[in-house]
Amino acid sequence: MAFLSFGSKRDKIKKMIEEEKFDEILKMAVKDKKALQALIELLDDSNPGIVGDALLLLSNVLEINPNSTRSHITPELFQKLMALMERKNPYVRENAMLLSYKIIKSFPEVASQHRDWIVEGVRRGLTEGNKDQKGFLLMVIGELGLKELRPMVEELVSVEDKVILPFEGKKWVPLGDIAKEVLEKLS
């Protein structure tokens, strides 16, 4: 008689990622909350390849079935994604940006529930982050209409440093151009 699994599926999902069984993982994570939770748990893995793949898979689950992910969107997940955006590994950093942006676009009501925390995190990132992080955070400001951060956006309008973001039309774009786009959205 087989034993029922009541624990985490983290190890199983990790093995499947290592075996590049991404389609199977997607099918499973869309239907199974434990598989989805396992992907979130893998964001703490020590292997950046596993973390980057888990982020990419979570983005795909969000696209396929946004409702399946709604209950997993927590302040803790946002904080984890913000921390992952600070990683040196570009695969992890860019996939964290992609997932964060998809969450914000898919669930603006959830983002607005956590507005105070998001504003504080964005403010800190605009002060301490590198140019790519600042470019991404500017996009978040525009998407969420964070008008209270307008003075910080205005400070970046003249910055000519080019950023590389994992978004269409946002590769090798001056940071100041992104800031100008955001100011138009905030008007």
C-alpha atoms as a PDB file:
ATOM      1  CA  MET A   1       0.000   0.000   0.000  1.00  0.00           C
ATOM      2  CA  ALA A   2       1.412   3.398  -0.997  1.00  0.00           C
ATOM      3  CA  PHE A   3       1.850   6.106   1.583  1.00  0.00           C
ATOM      4  CA  LEU A   4       0.145   9.422   0.987  1.00  0.00           C
ATOM      5  CA  SER A   5       2.458  12.393   0.786  1.00  0.00           C
ATOM      6  CA  PHE A   6       1.557  15.107   3.271  1.00  0.00           C
ATOM      7  CA  GLY A   7       4.850  16.967   3.219  1.00  0.00           C
ATOM      8  CA  SER A   8       6.494  19.360   0.852  1.00  0.00           C
ATOM      9  CA  LYS A   9       7.093  18.464  -2.771  1.00  0.00           C
ATOM     10  CA  ARG A  10      10.244  20.582  -2.818  1.00  0.00           C
ATOM     11  CA  ASP A  11      12.700  17.725  -3.375  1.00  0.00           C
ATOM     12  CA  LYS A  12      10.539  16.151  -6.079  1.00  0.00           C
ATOM     13  CA  ILE A  13      10.137  19.450  -7.948  1.00  0.00           C
ATOM     14  CA  LYS A  14      13.854  20.198  -7.595  1.00  0.00           C
ATOM     15  CA  LYS A  15      14.722  16.822  -9.114  1.00  0.00           C
ATOM     16  CA  MET A  16      12.293  17.483 -11.961  1.00  0.00           C
ATOM     17  CA  ILE A  17      13.936  20.882 -12.590  1.00  0.00           C
ATOM     18  CA  GLU A  18      17.347  19.205 -12.657  1.00  0.00           C
ATOM     19  CA  GLU A  19      15.934  16.740 -15.211  1.00  0.00           C
ATOM     20  CA  GLU A  20      14.470  19.678 -17.195  1.00  0.00           C
ATOM     21  CA  LYS A  21      10.896  18.378 -16.962  1.00  0.00           C
ATOM     22  CA  PHE A  22       9.482  21.891 -17.132  1.00  0.00           C
ATOM     23  CA  ASP A  23       6.237  21.028 -18.936  1.00  0.00           C
ATOM     24  CA  GLU A  24       5.398  18.399 -16.320  1.00  0.00           C
ATOM     25  CA  ILE A  25       6.160  20.824 -13.503  1.00  0.00           C
ATOM     26  CA  LEU A  26       3.933  23.470 -15.080  1.00  0.00           C
ATOM     27  CA  LYS A  27       1.006  21.074 -15.441  1.00  0.00           C
ATOM     28  CA  MET A  28       1.458  19.973 -11.854  1.00  0.00           C
ATOM     29  CA  ALA A  29       1.892  23.468 -10.363  1.00  0.00           C
ATOM     30  CA  VAL A  30      -1.200  24.856 -12.114  1.00  0.00           C
ATOM     31  CA  LYS A  31      -3.384  22.224 -10.427  1.00  0.00           C
ATOM     32  CA  ASP A  32      -1.537  21.320  -7.234  1.00  0.00           C
ATOM     33  CA  LYS A  33      -1.002  23.914  -4.482  1.00  0.00           C
ATOM     34  CA  LYS A  34       1.781  21.831  -2.912  1.00  0.00           C
ATOM     35  CA  ALA A  35       3.715  21.825  -6.186  1.00  0.00           C
ATOM     36  CA  LEU A  36       3.241  25.578  -6.475  1.00  0.00           C
ATOM     37  CA  GLN A  37       4.385  26.018  -2.872  1.00  0.00           C
ATOM     38  CA  ALA A  38       7.424  23.832  -3.632  1.00  0.00           C
ATOM     39  CA  LEU A  39       8.429  26.236  -6.419  1.00  0.00           C
ATOM     40  CA  ILE A  40       8.194  29.115  -3.955  1.00  0.00           C
ATOM     41  CA  GLU A  41      10.285  27.165  -1.426  1.00  0.00           C
ATOM     42  CA  LEU A  42      12.930  26.612  -4.118  1.00  0.00           C
ATOM     43  CA  LEU A  43      13.501  30.372  -4.245  1.00  0.00           C
ATOM     44  CA  ASP A  44      15.674  29.758  -1.154  1.00  0.00           C
ATOM     45  CA  ASP A  45      17.793  27.071  -2.850  1.00  0.00           C
ATOM     46  CA  SER A  46      21.572  27.549  -2.855  1.00  0.00           C
ATOM     47  CA  ASN A  47      21.838  26.755  -6.585  1.00  0.00           C
ATOM     48  CA  PRO A  48      21.154  29.898  -8.650  1.00  0.00           C
ATOM     49  CA  GLY A  49      20.093  27.773 -11.636  1.00  0.00           C
ATOM     50  CA  ILE A  50      17.353  26.144  -9.560  1.00  0.00           C
ATOM     51  CA  VAL A  51      16.243  29.538  -8.217  1.00  0.00           C
ATOM     52  CA  GLY A  52      16.160  31.068 -11.704  1.00  0.00           C
ATOM     53  CA  ASP A  53      14.215  28.113 -13.102  1.00  0.00           C
ATOM     54  CA  ALA A  54      11.743  28.230 -10.191  1.00  0.00           C
ATOM     55  CA  LEU A  55      11.173  31.948 -10.847  1.00  0.00           C
ATOM     56  CA  LEU A  56      10.614  31.293 -14.540  1.00  0.00           C
ATOM     57  CA  LEU A  57       8.211  28.445 -13.795  1.00  0.00           C
ATOM     58  CA  LEU A  58       6.280  30.611 -11.332  1.00  0.00           C
ATOM     59  CA  SER A  59       5.960  33.284 -14.037  1.00  0.00           C
ATOM     60  CA  ASN A  60       4.581  30.689 -16.424  1.00  0.00           C
ATOM     61  CA  VAL A  61       2.100  29.369 -13.852  1.00  0.00           C
ATOM     62  CA  LEU A  62       0.935  32.940 -13.289  1.00  0.00           C
ATOM     63  CA  GLU A  63       0.339  33.340 -17.029  1.00  0.00           C
ATOM     64  CA  ILE A  64      -1.506  30.030 -17.392  1.00  0.00           C
ATOM     65  CA  ASN A  65      -3.697  30.256 -14.298  1.00  0.00           C
ATOM     66  CA  PRO A  66      -3.444  33.500 -12.325  1.00  0.00           C
ATOM     67  CA  ASN A  67      -6.110  32.395  -9.853  1.00  0.00           C
ATOM     68  CA  SER A  68      -4.001  29.443  -8.732  1.00  0.00           C
ATOM     69  CA  THR A  69      -1.281  31.818  -7.556  1.00  0.00           C
ATOM     70  CA  ARG A  70      -3.408  34.486  -5.851  1.00  0.00           C
ATOM     71  CA  SER A  71      -3.271  32.942  -2.363  1.00  0.00           C
ATOM     72  CA  HIS A  72       0.519  32.657  -2.569  1.00  0.00           C
ATOM     73  CA  ILE A  73       1.065  36.385  -3.179  1.00  0.00           C
ATOM     74  CA  THR A  74       2.195  37.558   0.248  1.00  0.00           C
ATOM     75  CA  PRO A  75       4.400  40.343   1.604  1.00  0.00           C
ATOM     76  CA  GLU A  76       6.987  37.636   2.318  1.00  0.00           C
ATOM     77  CA  LEU A  77       7.026  36.619  -1.351  1.00  0.00           C
ATOM     78  CA  PHE A  78       7.412  40.270  -2.426  1.00  0.00           C
ATOM     79  CA  GLN A  79      10.294  40.682   0.036  1.00  0.00           C
ATOM     80  CA  LYS A  80      11.927  37.519  -1.268  1.00  0.00           C
ATOM     81  CA  LEU A  81      11.586  38.734  -4.861  1.00  0.00           C
ATOM     82  CA  MET A  82      13.079  42.120  -3.941  1.00  0.00           C
ATOM     83  CA  ALA A  83      16.051  40.332  -2.374  1.00  0.00           C
ATOM     84  CA  LEU A  84      16.456  38.111  -5.448  1.00  0.00           C
ATOM     85  CA  MET A  85      16.560  41.223  -7.654  1.00  0.00           C
ATOM     86  CA  GLU A  86      19.730  42.199  -5.808  1.00  0.00           C
ATOM     87  CA  ARG A  87      21.552  38.977  -6.700  1.00  0.00           C
ATOM     88  CA  LYS A  88      24.590  39.165  -8.932  1.00  0.00           C
ATOM     89  CA  ASN A  89      23.420  36.240 -11.051  1.00  0.00           C
ATOM     90  CA  PRO A  90      21.587  37.795 -14.039  1.00  0.00           C
ATOM     91  CA  TYR A  91      19.356  34.724 -14.568  1.00  0.00           C
ATOM     92  CA  VAL A  92      18.014  35.019 -11.021  1.00  0.00           C
ATOM     93  CA  ARG A  93      17.835  38.818 -11.021  1.00  0.00           C
ATOM     94  CA  GLU A  94      16.015  39.109 -14.358  1.00  0.00           C
ATOM     95  CA  ASN A  95      13.534  36.316 -13.615  1.00  0.00           C
ATOM     96  CA  ALA A  96      12.779  37.913 -10.231  1.00  0.00           C
ATOM     97  CA  MET A  97      12.026  41.169 -12.063  1.00  0.00           C
ATOM     98  CA  LEU A  98       9.805  39.407 -14.591  1.00  0.00           C
ATOM     99  CA  LEU A  99       7.824  37.567 -11.923  1.00  0.00           C
ATOM    100  CA  SER A 100       7.434  40.667  -9.757  1.00  0.00           C
ATOM    101  CA  TYR A 101       6.168  42.723 -12.666  1.00  0.00           C
ATOM    102  CA  LYS A 102       3.719  40.010 -13.738  1.00  0.00           C
ATOM    103  CA  ILE A 103       2.372  39.821 -10.183  1.00  0.00           C
ATOM    104  CA  ILE A 104       1.925  43.590 -10.046  1.00  0.00           C
ATOM    105  CA  LYS A 105       0.166  43.658 -13.423  1.00  0.00           C
ATOM    106  CA  SER A 106      -2.000  40.596 -12.670  1.00  0.00           C
ATOM    107  CA  PHE A 107      -2.968  41.545  -9.118  1.00  0.00           C
ATOM    108  CA  PRO A 108      -2.926  45.333  -8.717  1.00  0.00           C
ATOM    109  CA  GLU A 109      -5.414  44.975  -5.858  1.00  0.00           C
ATOM    110  CA  VAL A 110      -2.974  42.759  -3.952  1.00  0.00           C
ATOM    111  CA  ALA A 111      -0.148  45.206  -4.606  1.00  0.00           C
ATOM    112  CA  SER A 112      -2.333  48.061  -3.345  1.00  0.00           C
ATOM    113  CA  GLN A 113      -2.976  46.123  -0.101  1.00  0.00           C
ATOM    114  CA  HIS A 114       0.784  46.138   0.460  1.00  0.00           C
ATOM    115  CA  ARG A 115       1.321  49.649  -0.881  1.00  0.00           C
ATOM    116  CA  ASP A 116       3.110  51.027   2.195  1.00  0.00           C
ATOM    117  CA  TRP A 117       5.641  48.217   2.203  1.00  0.00           C
ATOM    118  CA  ILE A 118       6.114  48.422  -1.584  1.00  0.00           C
ATOM    119  CA  VAL A 119       6.654  52.199  -1.485  1.00  0.00           C
ATOM    120  CA  GLU A 120       9.273  51.781   1.247  1.00  0.00           C
ATOM    121  CA  GLY A 121      11.030  48.980  -0.671  1.00  0.00           C
ATOM    122  CA  VAL A 122      10.993  50.961  -3.918  1.00  0.00           C
ATOM    123  CA  ARG A 123      12.279  54.081  -2.134  1.00  0.00           C
ATOM    124  CA  ARG A 124      15.158  52.081  -0.638  1.00  0.00           C
ATOM    125  CA  GLY A 125      15.922  50.449  -4.009  1.00  0.00           C
ATOM    126  CA  LEU A 126      16.015  53.806  -5.804  1.00  0.00           C
ATOM    127  CA  THR A 127      18.559  54.985  -3.237  1.00  0.00           C
ATOM    128  CA  GLU A 128      20.703  51.866  -2.898  1.00  0.00           C
ATOM    129  CA  GLY A 129      20.138  49.843  -6.075  1.00  0.00           C
ATOM    130  CA  ASN A 130      22.192  49.636  -9.244  1.00  0.00           C
ATOM    131  CA  LYS A 131      21.004  51.268 -12.471  1.00  0.00           C
ATOM    132  CA  ASP A 132      19.138  48.154 -13.694  1.00  0.00           C
ATOM    133  CA  GLN A 133      17.297  47.810 -10.385  1.00  0.00           C
ATOM    134  CA  LYS A 134      16.403  51.495 -10.513  1.00  0.00           C
ATOM    135  CA  GLY A 135      15.080  51.087 -14.041  1.00  0.00           C
ATOM    136  CA  PHE A 136      12.874  48.213 -12.956  1.00  0.00           C
ATOM    137  CA  LEU A 137      11.655  50.083  -9.887  1.00  0.00           C
ATOM    138  CA  LEU A 138      10.746  53.040 -12.072  1.00  0.00           C
ATOM    139  CA  MET A 139       8.540  50.684 -14.099  1.00  0.00           C
ATOM    140  CA  VAL A 140       6.882  49.544 -10.863  1.00  0.00           C
ATOM    141  CA  ILE A 141       6.252  53.164  -9.858  1.00  0.00           C
ATOM    142  CA  GLY A 142       4.561  53.806 -13.185  1.00  0.00           C
ATOM    143  CA  GLU A 143       2.509  50.623 -13.091  1.00  0.00           C
ATOM    144  CA  LEU A 144       1.252  51.206  -9.553  1.00  0.00           C
ATOM    145  CA  GLY A 145       0.963  54.997  -9.835  1.00  0.00           C
ATOM    146  CA  LEU A 146       3.157  55.646  -6.798  1.00  0.00           C
ATOM    147  CA  LYS A 147       2.863  59.442  -6.993  1.00  0.00           C
ATOM    148  CA  GLU A 148       4.503  59.904  -3.606  1.00  0.00           C
ATOM    149  CA  LEU A 149       7.786  58.860  -5.252  1.00  0.00           C
ATOM    150  CA  ARG A 150       7.545  61.463  -8.030  1.00  0.00           C
ATOM    151  CA  PRO A 151      10.435  63.597  -6.641  1.00  0.00           C
ATOM    152  CA  MET A 152      12.754  60.572  -6.784  1.00  0.00           C
ATOM    153  CA  VAL A 153      11.660  59.857 -10.367  1.00  0.00           C
ATOM    154  CA  GLU A 154      12.329  63.476 -11.348  1.00  0.00           C
ATOM    155  CA  GLU A 155      15.896  63.175 -10.019  1.00  0.00           C
ATOM    156  CA  LEU A 156      16.581  60.396 -12.527  1.00  0.00           C
ATOM    157  CA  VAL A 157      15.282  62.141 -15.673  1.00  0.00           C
ATOM    158  CA  SER A 158      18.726  63.387 -16.709  1.00  0.00           C
ATOM    159  CA  VAL A 159      20.581  60.093 -16.092  1.00  0.00           C
ATOM    160  CA  GLU A 160      22.071  58.828 -19.371  1.00  0.00           C
ATOM    161  CA  ASP A 161      23.359  55.487 -18.012  1.00  0.00           C
ATOM    162  CA  LYS A 162      21.842  52.696 -20.078  1.00  0.00           C
ATOM    163  CA  VAL A 163      19.964  49.880 -18.378  1.00  0.00           C
ATOM    164  CA  ILE A 164      19.349  46.326 -19.479  1.00  0.00           C
ATOM    165  CA  LEU A 165      15.971  45.037 -18.322  1.00  0.00           C
ATOM    166  CA  PRO A 166      14.283  41.764 -19.293  1.00  0.00           C
ATOM    167  CA  PHE A 167      11.347  43.570 -20.903  1.00  0.00           C
ATOM    168  CA  GLU A 168      10.484  44.373 -24.497  1.00  0.00           C
ATOM    169  CA  GLY A 169      11.908  47.761 -25.434  1.00  0.00           C
ATOM    170  CA  LYS A 170      13.883  48.111 -22.200  1.00  0.00           C
ATOM    171  CA  LYS A 171      17.324  46.881 -23.255  1.00  0.00           C
ATOM    172  CA  TRP A 172      20.075  49.498 -23.563  1.00  0.00           C
ATOM    173  CA  VAL A 173      17.683  52.335 -22.735  1.00  0.00           C
ATOM    174  CA  PRO A 174      18.881  55.382 -20.783  1.00  0.00           C
ATOM    175  CA  LEU A 175      17.541  55.381 -17.230  1.00  0.00           C
ATOM    176  CA  GLY A 176      16.347  58.947 -17.788  1.00  0.00           C
ATOM    177  CA  ASP A 177      14.086  57.826 -20.664  1.00  0.00           C
ATOM    178  CA  ILE A 178      12.352  55.338 -18.382  1.00  0.00           C
ATOM    179  CA  ALA A 179      11.969  58.067 -15.745  1.00  0.00           C
ATOM    180  CA  LYS A 180      10.356  60.363 -18.361  1.00  0.00           C
ATOM    181  CA  GLU A 181       7.865  57.611 -19.325  1.00  0.00           C
ATOM    182  CA  VAL A 182       6.990  57.122 -15.668  1.00  0.00           C
ATOM    183  CA  LEU A 183       6.439  60.841 -15.112  1.00  0.00           C
ATOM    184  CA  GLU A 184       3.929  60.819 -17.975  1.00  0.00           C
ATOM    185  CA  LYS A 185       2.066  57.955 -16.286  1.00  0.00           C
ATOM    186  CA  LEU A 186       2.079  59.830 -12.974  1.00  0.00           C
ATOM    187  CA  SER A 187       0.581  63.000 -14.509  1.00  0.00           C
END
